[in-house]
Amino acid sequence: MLLFLVAAPKAREILETIAQAGALDSEPGAGIAFQLAIEDAVGLSTQQAALLSAIEERI
């Protein structure tokens, strides 16, 4: 199991890229990928500045 925490505006694009890379829509038994909304999280405050600067240019 892999978990990714991504910015909402990029979530669908990332999900589609994972599906393509893993052949999830073409290979039986290749697995599934899904998206869950996260209302709140802890432990990100020390990484917040780096995360924001990395995604600001892309969103």
PDB file of N, CA and C in Angstrom:
ATOM      1  N   MET A   1       0.834  -1.154   0.000  1.00  0.00           N
ATOM      2  CA  MET A   1       0.000   0.000   0.000  1.00  0.00           C
ATOM      3  C   MET A   1       0.892   1.234   0.000  1.00  0.00           C
ATOM      4  N   LEU A   2       0.538   2.175  -0.845  1.00  0.00           N
ATOM      5  CA  LEU A   2       1.218   3.464  -0.906  1.00  0.00           C
ATOM      6  C   LEU A   2       0.200   4.549  -0.610  1.00  0.00           C
ATOM      7  N   LEU A   3       0.616   5.546   0.130  1.00  0.00           N
ATOM      8  CA  LEU A   3      -0.241   6.688   0.416  1.00  0.00           C
ATOM      9  C   LEU A   3       0.466   7.960  -0.030  1.00  0.00           C
ATOM     10  N   PHE A   4      -0.267   8.809  -0.722  1.00  0.00           N
ATOM     11  CA  PHE A   4       0.261  10.083  -1.174  1.00  0.00           C
ATOM     12  C   PHE A   4      -0.641  11.182  -0.638  1.00  0.00           C
ATOM     13  N   LEU A   5      -0.063  12.221  -0.099  1.00  0.00           N
ATOM     14  CA  LEU A   5      -0.813  13.398   0.312  1.00  0.00           C
ATOM     15  C   LEU A   5      -0.474  14.482  -0.699  1.00  0.00           C
ATOM     16  N   VAL A   6      -1.484  14.874  -1.482  1.00  0.00           N
ATOM     17  CA  VAL A   6      -1.245  15.833  -2.565  1.00  0.00           C
ATOM     18  C   VAL A   6      -2.249  16.984  -2.489  1.00  0.00           C
ATOM     19  N   ALA A   7      -1.900  18.090  -3.113  1.00  0.00           N
ATOM     20  CA  ALA A   7      -2.795  19.240  -3.178  1.00  0.00           C
ATOM     21  C   ALA A   7      -4.022  18.887  -4.015  1.00  0.00           C
ATOM     22  N   ALA A   8      -5.176  19.296  -3.553  1.00  0.00           N
ATOM     23  CA  ALA A   8      -6.442  18.964  -4.216  1.00  0.00           C
ATOM     24  C   ALA A   8      -6.469  19.302  -5.708  1.00  0.00           C
ATOM     25  N   PRO A   9      -5.959  20.465  -6.123  1.00  0.00           N
ATOM     26  CA  PRO A   9      -6.012  20.789  -7.557  1.00  0.00           C
ATOM     27  C   PRO A   9      -5.205  19.834  -8.440  1.00  0.00           C
ATOM     28  N   LYS A  10      -4.255  19.127  -7.876  1.00  0.00           N
ATOM     29  CA  LYS A  10      -3.420  18.205  -8.657  1.00  0.00           C
ATOM     30  C   LYS A  10      -3.841  16.747  -8.493  1.00  0.00           C
ATOM     31  N   ALA A  11      -4.795  16.478  -7.612  1.00  0.00           N
ATOM     32  CA  ALA A  11      -5.131  15.105  -7.240  1.00  0.00           C
ATOM     33  C   ALA A  11      -5.562  14.249  -8.421  1.00  0.00           C
ATOM     34  N   ARG A  12      -6.452  14.742  -9.262  1.00  0.00           N
ATOM     35  CA  ARG A  12      -6.950  13.934 -10.379  1.00  0.00           C
ATOM     36  C   ARG A  12      -5.832  13.623 -11.372  1.00  0.00           C
ATOM     37  N   GLU A  13      -5.016  14.604 -11.663  1.00  0.00           N
ATOM     38  CA  GLU A  13      -3.892  14.399 -12.587  1.00  0.00           C
ATOM     39  C   GLU A  13      -2.942  13.323 -12.053  1.00  0.00           C
ATOM     40  N   ILE A  14      -2.648  13.379 -10.782  1.00  0.00           N
ATOM     41  CA  ILE A  14      -1.760  12.391 -10.160  1.00  0.00           C
ATOM     42  C   ILE A  14      -2.406  11.012 -10.166  1.00  0.00           C
ATOM     43  N   LEU A  15      -3.687  10.953  -9.869  1.00  0.00           N
ATOM     44  CA  LEU A  15      -4.411   9.677  -9.876  1.00  0.00           C
ATOM     45  C   LEU A  15      -4.382   9.047 -11.272  1.00  0.00           C
ATOM     46  N   GLU A  16      -4.612   9.841 -12.291  1.00  0.00           N
ATOM     47  CA  GLU A  16      -4.578   9.332 -13.661  1.00  0.00           C
ATOM     48  C   GLU A  16      -3.181   8.861 -14.060  1.00  0.00           C
ATOM     49  N   THR A  17      -2.151   9.571 -13.601  1.00  0.00           N
ATOM     50  CA  THR A  17      -0.773   9.170 -13.891  1.00  0.00           C
ATOM     51  C   THR A  17      -0.446   7.842 -13.224  1.00  0.00           C
ATOM     52  N   ILE A  18      -0.898   7.657 -11.995  1.00  0.00           N
ATOM     53  CA  ILE A  18      -0.697   6.389 -11.287  1.00  0.00           C
ATOM     54  C   ILE A  18      -1.404   5.264 -12.030  1.00  0.00           C
ATOM     55  N   ALA A  19      -2.631   5.521 -12.471  1.00  0.00           N
ATOM     56  CA  ALA A  19      -3.397   4.503 -13.209  1.00  0.00           C
ATOM     57  C   ALA A  19      -2.693   4.107 -14.497  1.00  0.00           C
ATOM     58  N   GLN A  20      -2.162   5.088 -15.207  1.00  0.00           N
ATOM     59  CA  GLN A  20      -1.464   4.801 -16.461  1.00  0.00           C
ATOM     60  C   GLN A  20      -0.171   4.037 -16.199  1.00  0.00           C
ATOM     61  N   ALA A  21       0.614   4.480 -15.237  1.00  0.00           N
ATOM     62  CA  ALA A  21       1.895   3.830 -14.940  1.00  0.00           C
ATOM     63  C   ALA A  21       1.708   2.398 -14.462  1.00  0.00           C
ATOM     64  N   GLY A  22       0.660   2.156 -13.726  1.00  0.00           N
ATOM     65  CA  GLY A  22       0.404   0.819 -13.202  1.00  0.00           C
ATOM     66  C   GLY A  22      -0.487  -0.036 -14.080  1.00  0.00           C
ATOM     67  N   ALA A  23      -0.880   0.484 -15.220  1.00  0.00           N
ATOM     68  CA  ALA A  23      -1.781  -0.205 -16.141  1.00  0.00           C
ATOM     69  C   ALA A  23      -3.043  -0.676 -15.413  1.00  0.00           C
ATOM     70  N   LEU A  24      -3.564   0.164 -14.523  1.00  0.00           N
ATOM     71  CA  LEU A  24      -4.694  -0.226 -13.695  1.00  0.00           C
ATOM     72  C   LEU A  24      -5.979  -0.410 -14.479  1.00  0.00           C
ATOM     73  N   ASP A  25      -6.110   0.272 -15.602  1.00  0.00           N
ATOM     74  CA  ASP A  25      -7.324   0.149 -16.411  1.00  0.00           C
ATOM     75  C   ASP A  25      -7.207  -0.885 -17.525  1.00  0.00           C
ATOM     76  N   SER A  26      -6.038  -1.491 -17.679  1.00  0.00           N
ATOM     77  CA  SER A  26      -5.872  -2.439 -18.787  1.00  0.00           C
ATOM     78  C   SER A  26      -5.395  -3.820 -18.370  1.00  0.00           C
ATOM     79  N   GLU A  27      -4.795  -3.957 -17.208  1.00  0.00           N
ATOM     80  CA  GLU A  27      -4.282  -5.242 -16.742  1.00  0.00           C
ATOM     81  C   GLU A  27      -5.143  -5.786 -15.606  1.00  0.00           C
ATOM     82  N   PRO A  28      -5.802  -6.913 -15.820  1.00  0.00           N
ATOM     83  CA  PRO A  28      -6.586  -7.507 -14.733  1.00  0.00           C
ATOM     84  C   PRO A  28      -5.691  -7.826 -13.532  1.00  0.00           C
ATOM     85  N   GLY A  29      -6.143  -7.460 -12.354  1.00  0.00           N
ATOM     86  CA  GLY A  29      -5.391  -7.745 -11.144  1.00  0.00           C
ATOM     87  C   GLY A  29      -4.245  -6.791 -10.863  1.00  0.00           C
ATOM     88  N   ALA A  30      -4.118  -5.712 -11.650  1.00  0.00           N
ATOM     89  CA  ALA A  30      -3.010  -4.779 -11.466  1.00  0.00           C
ATOM     90  C   ALA A  30      -3.175  -3.932 -10.210  1.00  0.00           C
ATOM     91  N   GLY A  31      -4.376  -3.847  -9.699  1.00  0.00           N
ATOM     92  CA  GLY A  31      -4.604  -3.083  -8.476  1.00  0.00           C
ATOM     93  C   GLY A  31      -5.598  -1.965  -8.686  1.00  0.00           C
ATOM     94  N   ILE A  32      -5.746  -1.164  -7.661  1.00  0.00           N
ATOM     95  CA  ILE A  32      -6.642  -0.019  -7.729  1.00  0.00           C
ATOM     96  C   ILE A  32      -5.952   1.193  -7.129  1.00  0.00           C
ATOM     97  N   ALA A  33      -6.427   2.335  -7.500  1.00  0.00           N
ATOM     98  CA  ALA A  33      -5.996   3.597  -6.899  1.00  0.00           C
ATOM     99  C   ALA A  33      -7.265   4.394  -6.639  1.00  0.00           C
ATOM    100  N   PHE A  34      -7.300   5.091  -5.520  1.00  0.00           N
ATOM    101  CA  PHE A  34      -8.482   5.887  -5.213  1.00  0.00           C
ATOM    102  C   PHE A  34      -8.080   7.136  -4.457  1.00  0.00           C
ATOM    103  N   GLN A  35      -9.017   8.057  -4.385  1.00  0.00           N
ATOM    104  CA  GLN A  35      -8.776   9.355  -3.777  1.00  0.00           C
ATOM    105  C   GLN A  35      -9.679   9.525  -2.566  1.00  0.00           C
ATOM    106  N   LEU A  36      -9.106   9.992  -1.478  1.00  0.00           N
ATOM    107  CA  LEU A  36      -9.860  10.317  -0.270  1.00  0.00           C
ATOM    108  C   LEU A  36      -9.582  11.768   0.089  1.00  0.00           C
ATOM    109  N   ALA A  37     -10.628  12.498   0.410  1.00  0.00           N
ATOM    110  CA  ALA A  37     -10.444  13.875   0.866  1.00  0.00           C
ATOM    111  C   ALA A  37      -9.953  13.851   2.310  1.00  0.00           C
ATOM    112  N   ILE A  38      -9.011  14.711   2.615  1.00  0.00           N
ATOM    113  CA  ILE A  38      -8.488  14.804   3.975  1.00  0.00           C
ATOM    114  C   ILE A  38      -8.958  16.127   4.551  1.00  0.00           C
ATOM    115  N   GLU A  39      -9.733  16.046   5.599  1.00  0.00           N
ATOM    116  CA  GLU A  39     -10.260  17.252   6.227  1.00  0.00           C
ATOM    117  C   GLU A  39      -9.209  17.956   7.068  1.00  0.00           C
ATOM    118  N   ASP A  40      -8.367  17.185   7.721  1.00  0.00           N
ATOM    119  CA  ASP A  40      -7.365  17.761   8.599  1.00  0.00           C
ATOM    120  C   ASP A  40      -6.213  16.777   8.742  1.00  0.00           C
ATOM    121  N   ALA A  41      -5.038  17.291   9.051  1.00  0.00           N
ATOM    122  CA  ALA A  41      -3.862  16.442   9.254  1.00  0.00           C
ATOM    123  C   ALA A  41      -2.927  17.137  10.236  1.00  0.00           C
ATOM    124  N   VAL A  42      -2.126  16.353  10.923  1.00  0.00           N
ATOM    125  CA  VAL A  42      -1.121  16.904  11.830  1.00  0.00           C
ATOM    126  C   VAL A  42       0.253  16.416  11.388  1.00  0.00           C
ATOM    127  N   GLY A  43       1.281  17.111  11.812  1.00  0.00           N
ATOM    128  CA  GLY A  43       2.637  16.698  11.491  1.00  0.00           C
ATOM    129  C   GLY A  43       3.206  17.334  10.246  1.00  0.00           C
ATOM    130  N   LEU A  44       2.448  18.224   9.630  1.00  0.00           N
ATOM    131  CA  LEU A  44       2.922  18.849   8.403  1.00  0.00           C
ATOM    132  C   LEU A  44       3.517  20.236   8.620  1.00  0.00           C
ATOM    133  N   SER A  45       3.373  20.773   9.802  1.00  0.00           N
ATOM    134  CA  SER A  45       3.803  22.154  10.032  1.00  0.00           C
ATOM    135  C   SER A  45       5.290  22.360   9.780  1.00  0.00           C
ATOM    136  N   THR A  46       6.098  21.373  10.051  1.00  0.00           N
ATOM    137  CA  THR A  46       7.539  21.521   9.822  1.00  0.00           C
ATOM    138  C   THR A  46       7.887  21.463   8.334  1.00  0.00           C
ATOM    139  N   GLN A  47       6.986  20.940   7.523  1.00  0.00           N
ATOM    140  CA  GLN A  47       7.235  20.823   6.093  1.00  0.00           C
ATOM    141  C   GLN A  47       6.437  21.828   5.266  1.00  0.00           C
ATOM    142  N   GLN A  48       5.579  22.585   5.919  1.00  0.00           N
ATOM    143  CA  GLN A  48       4.637  23.450   5.219  1.00  0.00           C
ATOM    144  C   GLN A  48       5.300  24.425   4.256  1.00  0.00           C
ATOM    145  N   ALA A  49       6.320  25.107   4.680  1.00  0.00           N
ATOM    146  CA  ALA A  49       6.967  26.102   3.818  1.00  0.00           C
ATOM    147  C   ALA A  49       7.525  25.460   2.549  1.00  0.00           C
ATOM    148  N   ALA A  50       8.189  24.338   2.694  1.00  0.00           N
ATOM    149  CA  ALA A  50       8.761  23.661   1.528  1.00  0.00           C
ATOM    150  C   ALA A  50       7.679  23.142   0.600  1.00  0.00           C
ATOM    151  N   LEU A  51       6.623  22.595   1.168  1.00  0.00           N
ATOM    152  CA  LEU A  51       5.513  22.088   0.358  1.00  0.00           C
ATOM    153  C   LEU A  51       4.827  23.208  -0.410  1.00  0.00           C
ATOM    154  N   LEU A  52       4.552  24.305   0.260  1.00  0.00           N
ATOM    155  CA  LEU A  52       3.877  25.421  -0.394  1.00  0.00           C
ATOM    156  C   LEU A  52       4.704  26.013  -1.513  1.00  0.00           C
ATOM    157  N   SER A  53       5.985  26.194  -1.303  1.00  0.00           N
ATOM    158  CA  SER A  53       6.822  26.761  -2.354  1.00  0.00           C
ATOM    159  C   SER A  53       6.938  25.811  -3.538  1.00  0.00           C
ATOM    160  N   ALA A  54       6.895  24.529  -3.292  1.00  0.00           N
ATOM    161  CA  ALA A  54       6.988  23.557  -4.379  1.00  0.00           C
ATOM    162  C   ALA A  54       5.717  23.501  -5.223  1.00  0.00           C
ATOM    163  N   ILE A  55       4.574  23.723  -4.624  1.00  0.00           N
ATOM    164  CA  ILE A  55       3.337  23.604  -5.396  1.00  0.00           C
ATOM    165  C   ILE A  55       2.776  24.936  -5.876  1.00  0.00           C
ATOM    166  N   GLU A  56       3.183  26.054  -5.294  1.00  0.00           N
ATOM    167  CA  GLU A  56       2.651  27.350  -5.684  1.00  0.00           C
ATOM    168  C   GLU A  56       2.799  27.612  -7.182  1.00  0.00           C
ATOM    169  N   GLU A  57       3.911  27.220  -7.749  1.00  0.00           N
ATOM    170  CA  GLU A  57       4.163  27.467  -9.164  1.00  0.00           C
ATOM    171  C   GLU A  57       3.305  26.596 -10.067  1.00  0.00           C
ATOM    172  N   ARG A  58       2.780  25.512  -9.540  1.00  0.00           N
ATOM    173  CA  ARG A  58       2.053  24.550 -10.367  1.00  0.00           C
ATOM    174  C   ARG A  58       0.541  24.666 -10.237  1.00  0.00           C
ATOM    175  N   ILE A  59       0.080  25.342  -9.212  1.00  0.00           N
ATOM    176  CA  ILE A  59      -1.377  25.434  -9.037  1.00  0.00           C
ATOM    177  C   ILE A  59      -1.885  26.847  -9.267  1.00  0.00           C
TER     178      ILE A  59
END
